[in-house]
Amino acid sequence: MSLRWQQRITLTQYEISIMSKRAVIVVDIQNEYFPPAGKLPLQGVEAAAANAARVIEASRARGDLVIHIRHESPTPGATYFAPGTAAVDIHPMVKPLEGEPVLIKHYPNAFRGTDLQELIDAEGISDTVVFGSMSHMCIDATSRAAFDFGYDTTIIHDACATMDLEFNGTRAPAAQVHAAFMSALAFRYGKVTTAEEFLAG
């Protein structure tokens, strides 16, 4: 089986022993979202990344498949997430270990145009855990796709971050944006929980 992530990680390096049937999908925790250098700083991103790091550490110890997603813009001369810049690098707080798959995506949905589904299915995994950035965009799109593909999906909401949005003259603070999207996901698409609850489970 040929997976694009194997262009960066050889089979001999990929030595993760899968003891569970769970994939932990770490979405776009990249420098672009962190102040002061990031061009798209998110509210509470440092706290969210700290929770993400705790979940990743526990998931590694459990033997879960930890998959890192990294967004790059496909548009030449892009203002955000420009390929080859430090902005697209995964933040040091959640740095992948050698051998962990890192998939590059170009759309909000981490399954679109990547080998994510193929990688998960190759391990016979039935459960996915999703967290990262941004709550209203890539977390929403990826979680819904995971559900649509038939995976039991958990979203760790305090390991996610977002920003203020505006529509038709109405400004929605980041906390309200986050709450609206998490409540919508919890309504049908998956279990929405905290890092603390997840780690205790």
C-alpha atoms as a PDB file:
ATOM      1  CA  MET A   1       0.000   0.000   0.000  1.00  0.00           C
ATOM      2  CA  SER A   2       1.378   3.384  -0.999  1.00  0.00           C
ATOM      3  CA  LEU A   3       0.573   6.258   1.335  1.00  0.00           C
ATOM      4  CA  ARG A   4       1.743   9.796   0.745  1.00  0.00           C
ATOM      5  CA  TRP A   5       2.896  10.122   4.353  1.00  0.00           C
ATOM      6  CA  GLN A   6       5.383   7.349   3.629  1.00  0.00           C
ATOM      7  CA  GLN A   7       7.238   9.826   1.440  1.00  0.00           C
ATOM      8  CA  ARG A   8       8.339  11.422   4.692  1.00  0.00           C
ATOM      9  CA  ILE A   9       8.277   8.402   7.026  1.00  0.00           C
ATOM     10  CA  THR A  10       9.692   5.085   5.887  1.00  0.00           C
ATOM     11  CA  LEU A  11       8.129   1.813   6.935  1.00  0.00           C
ATOM     12  CA  THR A  12      11.190   0.935   9.039  1.00  0.00           C
ATOM     13  CA  GLN A  13      10.768   4.178  10.979  1.00  0.00           C
ATOM     14  CA  TYR A  14       7.069   3.605  11.530  1.00  0.00           C
ATOM     15  CA  GLU A  15       7.278   1.341  14.558  1.00  0.00           C
ATOM     16  CA  ILE A  16       4.243   2.422  16.537  1.00  0.00           C
ATOM     17  CA  SER A  17       2.647  -0.627  18.122  1.00  0.00           C
ATOM     18  CA  ILE A  18      -1.108  -0.168  17.901  1.00  0.00           C
ATOM     19  CA  MET A  19      -2.582  -1.590  21.094  1.00  0.00           C
ATOM     20  CA  SER A  20      -5.964   0.070  20.655  1.00  0.00           C
ATOM     21  CA  LYS A  21      -8.389   0.737  17.848  1.00  0.00           C
ATOM     22  CA  ARG A  22      -8.329   4.483  18.254  1.00  0.00           C
ATOM     23  CA  ALA A  23      -6.828   7.196  16.062  1.00  0.00           C
ATOM     24  CA  VAL A  24      -5.984  10.555  17.611  1.00  0.00           C
ATOM     25  CA  ILE A  25      -6.142  13.226  14.903  1.00  0.00           C
ATOM     26  CA  VAL A  26      -4.224  16.378  15.835  1.00  0.00           C
ATOM     27  CA  VAL A  27      -5.441  19.057  13.446  1.00  0.00           C
ATOM     28  CA  ASP A  28      -3.429  22.132  12.457  1.00  0.00           C
ATOM     29  CA  ILE A  29      -1.782  23.108  15.719  1.00  0.00           C
ATOM     30  CA  GLN A  30       0.630  25.259  13.738  1.00  0.00           C
ATOM     31  CA  ASN A  31       2.665  28.398  14.295  1.00  0.00           C
ATOM     32  CA  GLU A  32       0.327  30.488  12.124  1.00  0.00           C
ATOM     33  CA  TYR A  33      -2.244  30.424  14.935  1.00  0.00           C
ATOM     34  CA  PHE A  34       0.086  31.507  17.750  1.00  0.00           C
ATOM     35  CA  PRO A  35       0.908  35.095  18.719  1.00  0.00           C
ATOM     36  CA  PRO A  36       2.930  37.138  18.242  1.00  0.00           C
ATOM     37  CA  ALA A  37       4.325  35.869  14.935  1.00  0.00           C
ATOM     38  CA  GLY A  38       1.265  34.030  13.628  1.00  0.00           C
ATOM     39  CA  LYS A  39      -0.954  35.939  11.205  1.00  0.00           C
ATOM     40  CA  LEU A  40      -4.125  34.214  12.468  1.00  0.00           C
ATOM     41  CA  PRO A  41      -3.795  34.261  16.283  1.00  0.00           C
ATOM     42  CA  LEU A  42      -6.547  32.371  18.061  1.00  0.00           C
ATOM     43  CA  GLN A  43      -8.036  33.125  21.449  1.00  0.00           C
ATOM     44  CA  GLY A  44      -6.840  30.700  24.109  1.00  0.00           C
ATOM     45  CA  VAL A  45      -4.614  28.836  21.684  1.00  0.00           C
ATOM     46  CA  GLU A  46      -1.824  28.279  24.210  1.00  0.00           C
ATOM     47  CA  ALA A  47      -4.172  26.711  26.765  1.00  0.00           C
ATOM     48  CA  ALA A  48      -5.742  24.565  24.055  1.00  0.00           C
ATOM     49  CA  ALA A  49      -2.324  23.395  22.885  1.00  0.00           C
ATOM     50  CA  ALA A  50      -1.339  22.537  26.456  1.00  0.00           C
ATOM     51  CA  ASN A  51      -4.434  20.338  26.758  1.00  0.00           C
ATOM     52  CA  ALA A  52      -3.669  18.820  23.375  1.00  0.00           C
ATOM     53  CA  ALA A  53      -0.147  17.966  24.518  1.00  0.00           C
ATOM     54  CA  ARG A  54      -1.517  16.148  27.571  1.00  0.00           C
ATOM     55  CA  VAL A  55      -3.920  14.129  25.442  1.00  0.00           C
ATOM     56  CA  ILE A  56      -1.210  13.269  22.929  1.00  0.00           C
ATOM     57  CA  GLU A  57       1.161  12.089  25.667  1.00  0.00           C
ATOM     58  CA  ALA A  58      -1.492   9.858  27.221  1.00  0.00           C
ATOM     59  CA  SER A  59      -2.538   8.527  23.832  1.00  0.00           C
ATOM     60  CA  ARG A  60       1.015   7.555  22.979  1.00  0.00           C
ATOM     61  CA  ALA A  61       1.321   5.699  26.282  1.00  0.00           C
ATOM     62  CA  ARG A  62      -1.918   3.876  25.536  1.00  0.00           C
ATOM     63  CA  GLY A  63      -0.762   2.827  22.094  1.00  0.00           C
ATOM     64  CA  ASP A  64      -3.221   4.927  20.089  1.00  0.00           C
ATOM     65  CA  LEU A  65      -2.324   5.917  16.557  1.00  0.00           C
ATOM     66  CA  VAL A  66      -1.414   9.609  16.761  1.00  0.00           C
ATOM     67  CA  ILE A  67      -1.765  11.362  13.407  1.00  0.00           C
ATOM     68  CA  HIS A  68      -0.683  14.961  12.873  1.00  0.00           C
ATOM     69  CA  ILE A  69      -2.382  17.139  10.271  1.00  0.00           C
ATOM     70  CA  ARG A  70      -0.575  20.159   8.841  1.00  0.00           C
ATOM     71  CA  HIS A  71      -2.318  22.687   6.621  1.00  0.00           C
ATOM     72  CA  GLU A  72      -0.581  24.338   3.678  1.00  0.00           C
ATOM     73  CA  SER A  73      -2.177  26.739   1.239  1.00  0.00           C
ATOM     74  CA  PRO A  74      -2.239  25.493  -2.373  1.00  0.00           C
ATOM     75  CA  THR A  75      -2.458  29.089  -3.654  1.00  0.00           C
ATOM     76  CA  PRO A  76       0.796  30.617  -4.969  1.00  0.00           C
ATOM     77  CA  GLY A  77       1.819  33.639  -2.920  1.00  0.00           C
ATOM     78  CA  ALA A  78      -0.674  32.807  -0.164  1.00  0.00           C
ATOM     79  CA  THR A  79      -0.929  35.228   2.742  1.00  0.00           C
ATOM     80  CA  TYR A  80      -1.581  32.449   5.262  1.00  0.00           C
ATOM     81  CA  PHE A  81      -0.031  28.981   5.622  1.00  0.00           C
ATOM     82  CA  ALA A  82       2.474  29.601   2.867  1.00  0.00           C
ATOM     83  CA  PRO A  83       4.472  26.438   2.079  1.00  0.00           C
ATOM     84  CA  GLY A  84       8.118  26.585   3.087  1.00  0.00           C
ATOM     85  CA  THR A  85       7.580  29.133   5.857  1.00  0.00           C
ATOM     86  CA  ALA A  86       7.780  28.698   9.611  1.00  0.00           C
ATOM     87  CA  ALA A  87       4.069  29.480   9.802  1.00  0.00           C
ATOM     88  CA  VAL A  88       3.128  26.003   8.549  1.00  0.00           C
ATOM     89  CA  ASP A  89       5.345  24.180  11.035  1.00  0.00           C
ATOM     90  CA  ILE A  90       3.646  22.239  13.809  1.00  0.00           C
ATOM     91  CA  HIS A  91       3.961  24.122  17.084  1.00  0.00           C
ATOM     92  CA  PRO A  92       6.692  22.811  19.421  1.00  0.00           C
ATOM     93  CA  MET A  93       4.135  22.144  22.177  1.00  0.00           C
ATOM     94  CA  VAL A  94       2.745  19.232  20.155  1.00  0.00           C
ATOM     95  CA  LYS A  95       5.783  18.272  18.099  1.00  0.00           C
ATOM     96  CA  PRO A  96       5.408  14.862  16.414  1.00  0.00           C
ATOM     97  CA  LEU A  97       7.673  12.053  17.487  1.00  0.00           C
ATOM     98  CA  GLU A  98       9.827  10.362  14.906  1.00  0.00           C
ATOM     99  CA  GLY A  99       7.679   7.758  13.186  1.00  0.00           C
ATOM    100  CA  GLU A 100       4.329   9.458  13.760  1.00  0.00           C
ATOM    101  CA  PRO A 101       2.506  10.192  10.513  1.00  0.00           C
ATOM    102  CA  VAL A 102       2.238  13.808   9.415  1.00  0.00           C
ATOM    103  CA  LEU A 103      -0.289  14.471   6.652  1.00  0.00           C
ATOM    104  CA  ILE A 104      -0.422  17.682   4.649  1.00  0.00           C
ATOM    105  CA  LYS A 105      -3.867  18.950   3.735  1.00  0.00           C
ATOM    106  CA  HIS A 106      -5.172  21.803   1.581  1.00  0.00           C
ATOM    107  CA  TYR A 107      -8.827  21.861   2.657  1.00  0.00           C
ATOM    108  CA  PRO A 108     -10.664  22.234   5.988  1.00  0.00           C
ATOM    109  CA  ASN A 109     -11.626  18.545   5.994  1.00  0.00           C
ATOM    110  CA  ALA A 110      -8.506  16.567   6.905  1.00  0.00           C
ATOM    111  CA  PHE A 111      -9.825  13.559   4.984  1.00  0.00           C
ATOM    112  CA  ARG A 112     -10.109  15.408   1.683  1.00  0.00           C
ATOM    113  CA  GLY A 113      -7.141  14.923  -0.612  1.00  0.00           C
ATOM    114  CA  THR A 114      -5.100  13.051   2.004  1.00  0.00           C
ATOM    115  CA  ASP A 115      -4.492   9.441   2.968  1.00  0.00           C
ATOM    116  CA  LEU A 116      -6.110   9.871   6.383  1.00  0.00           C
ATOM    117  CA  GLN A 117      -8.956   7.431   5.845  1.00  0.00           C
ATOM    118  CA  GLU A 118      -6.670   4.896   4.176  1.00  0.00           C
ATOM    119  CA  LEU A 119      -4.211   5.128   7.076  1.00  0.00           C
ATOM    120  CA  ILE A 120      -6.926   4.683   9.704  1.00  0.00           C
ATOM    121  CA  ASP A 121      -8.618   1.802   7.898  1.00  0.00           C
ATOM    122  CA  ALA A 122      -5.304   0.019   7.346  1.00  0.00           C
ATOM    123  CA  GLU A 123      -5.055  -0.333  11.134  1.00  0.00           C
ATOM    124  CA  GLY A 124      -8.642  -1.524  11.544  1.00  0.00           C
ATOM    125  CA  ILE A 125      -9.478   1.511  13.661  1.00  0.00           C
ATOM    126  CA  SER A 126     -13.074   2.272  14.569  1.00  0.00           C
ATOM    127  CA  ASP A 127     -12.739   5.282  16.928  1.00  0.00           C
ATOM    128  CA  THR A 128     -11.385   8.738  16.154  1.00  0.00           C
ATOM    129  CA  VAL A 129     -10.469  11.568  18.508  1.00  0.00           C
ATOM    130  CA  VAL A 130     -10.281  15.039  16.980  1.00  0.00           C
ATOM    131  CA  PHE A 131      -8.891  18.315  18.336  1.00  0.00           C
ATOM    132  CA  GLY A 132      -6.847  21.321  17.268  1.00  0.00           C
ATOM    133  CA  SER A 133      -7.576  24.399  15.167  1.00  0.00           C
ATOM    134  CA  MET A 134      -9.931  26.012  14.301  1.00  0.00           C
ATOM    135  CA  SER A 135     -13.115  24.999  16.106  1.00  0.00           C
ATOM    136  CA  HIS A 136     -15.417  26.506  13.490  1.00  0.00           C
ATOM    137  CA  MET A 137     -13.466  25.349  10.448  1.00  0.00           C
ATOM    138  CA  CYS A 138     -11.153  22.330  10.290  1.00  0.00           C
ATOM    139  CA  ILE A 139     -12.334  20.730  13.541  1.00  0.00           C
ATOM    140  CA  ASP A 140     -15.953  20.991  12.455  1.00  0.00           C
ATOM    141  CA  ALA A 141     -15.248  19.712   8.922  1.00  0.00           C
ATOM    142  CA  THR A 142     -12.990  16.848  10.028  1.00  0.00           C
ATOM    143  CA  SER A 143     -15.302  15.689  12.828  1.00  0.00           C
ATOM    144  CA  ARG A 144     -18.321  15.608  10.538  1.00  0.00           C
ATOM    145  CA  ALA A 145     -16.356  13.695   7.921  1.00  0.00           C
ATOM    146  CA  ALA A 146     -15.174  11.170  10.504  1.00  0.00           C
ATOM    147  CA  PHE A 147     -18.785  10.560  11.513  1.00  0.00           C
ATOM    148  CA  ASP A 148     -19.881  10.272   7.883  1.00  0.00           C
ATOM    149  CA  PHE A 149     -17.181   7.657   7.273  1.00  0.00           C
ATOM    150  CA  GLY A 150     -18.618   5.612  10.129  1.00  0.00           C
ATOM    151  CA  TYR A 151     -16.092   6.221  12.900  1.00  0.00           C
ATOM    152  CA  ASP A 152     -17.154   6.707  16.510  1.00  0.00           C
ATOM    153  CA  THR A 153     -15.913  10.240  17.034  1.00  0.00           C
ATOM    154  CA  THR A 154     -14.865  12.200  20.107  1.00  0.00           C
ATOM    155  CA  ILE A 155     -14.035  15.906  20.028  1.00  0.00           C
ATOM    156  CA  ILE A 156     -11.942  17.350  22.857  1.00  0.00           C
ATOM    157  CA  HIS A 157     -13.277  20.865  22.940  1.00  0.00           C
ATOM    158  CA  ASP A 158     -10.805  22.473  25.340  1.00  0.00           C
ATOM    159  CA  ALA A 159      -7.963  21.291  23.118  1.00  0.00           C
ATOM    160  CA  CYS A 160      -9.470  23.408  20.316  1.00  0.00           C
ATOM    161  CA  ALA A 161      -9.318  27.140  19.672  1.00  0.00           C
ATOM    162  CA  THR A 162     -10.961  29.682  17.395  1.00  0.00           C
ATOM    163  CA  MET A 163     -11.374  33.431  16.794  1.00  0.00           C
ATOM    164  CA  ASP A 164     -14.010  36.143  16.708  1.00  0.00           C
ATOM    165  CA  LEU A 165     -16.176  36.017  13.581  1.00  0.00           C
ATOM    166  CA  GLU A 166     -18.524  38.480  11.933  1.00  0.00           C
ATOM    167  CA  PHE A 167     -21.579  37.871   9.766  1.00  0.00           C
ATOM    168  CA  ASN A 168     -23.965  40.418   8.301  1.00  0.00           C
ATOM    169  CA  GLY A 169     -22.852  43.090  10.728  1.00  0.00           C
ATOM    170  CA  THR A 170     -23.056  40.896  13.809  1.00  0.00           C
ATOM    171  CA  ARG A 171     -19.815  40.086  15.620  1.00  0.00           C
ATOM    172  CA  ALA A 172     -19.609  36.760  17.420  1.00  0.00           C
ATOM    173  CA  PRO A 173     -16.915  36.479  20.120  1.00  0.00           C
ATOM    174  CA  ALA A 174     -14.648  33.459  19.909  1.00  0.00           C
ATOM    175  CA  ALA A 175     -16.221  31.858  22.990  1.00  0.00           C
ATOM    176  CA  GLN A 176     -19.642  31.981  21.355  1.00  0.00           C
ATOM    177  CA  VAL A 177     -18.309  30.703  18.039  1.00  0.00           C
ATOM    178  CA  HIS A 178     -16.678  27.791  19.850  1.00  0.00           C
ATOM    179  CA  ALA A 179     -19.808  27.025  21.870  1.00  0.00           C
ATOM    180  CA  ALA A 180     -22.049  27.121  18.818  1.00  0.00           C
ATOM    181  CA  PHE A 181     -19.922  24.698  16.823  1.00  0.00           C
ATOM    182  CA  MET A 182     -19.256  22.332  19.717  1.00  0.00           C
ATOM    183  CA  SER A 183     -22.947  22.201  20.590  1.00  0.00           C
ATOM    184  CA  ALA A 184     -23.781  21.413  16.960  1.00  0.00           C
ATOM    185  CA  LEU A 185     -21.241  18.587  16.872  1.00  0.00           C
ATOM    186  CA  ALA A 186     -22.495  17.219  20.187  1.00  0.00           C
ATOM    187  CA  PHE A 187     -26.056  17.244  18.871  1.00  0.00           C
ATOM    188  CA  ARG A 188     -25.331  14.445  16.405  1.00  0.00           C
ATOM    189  CA  TYR A 189     -21.766  14.083  15.175  1.00  0.00           C
ATOM    190  CA  GLY A 190     -19.844  12.865  18.192  1.00  0.00           C
ATOM    191  CA  LYS A 191     -19.078  12.998  21.880  1.00  0.00           C
ATOM    192  CA  VAL A 192     -17.770  16.400  22.906  1.00  0.00           C
ATOM    193  CA  THR A 193     -15.702  16.293  26.073  1.00  0.00           C
ATOM    194  CA  THR A 194     -12.817  17.932  27.941  1.00  0.00           C
ATOM    195  CA  ALA A 195      -9.216  16.832  28.113  1.00  0.00           C
ATOM    196  CA  GLU A 196      -9.639  16.065  31.811  1.00  0.00           C
ATOM    197  CA  GLU A 197     -12.665  13.864  31.212  1.00  0.00           C
ATOM    198  CA  PHE A 198     -10.969  12.128  28.307  1.00  0.00           C
ATOM    199  CA  LEU A 199      -7.839  11.379  30.329  1.00  0.00           C
ATOM    200  CA  ALA A 200      -9.901  10.034  33.205  1.00  0.00           C
ATOM    201  CA  GLY A 201     -11.888   7.725  30.942  1.00  0.00           C
END
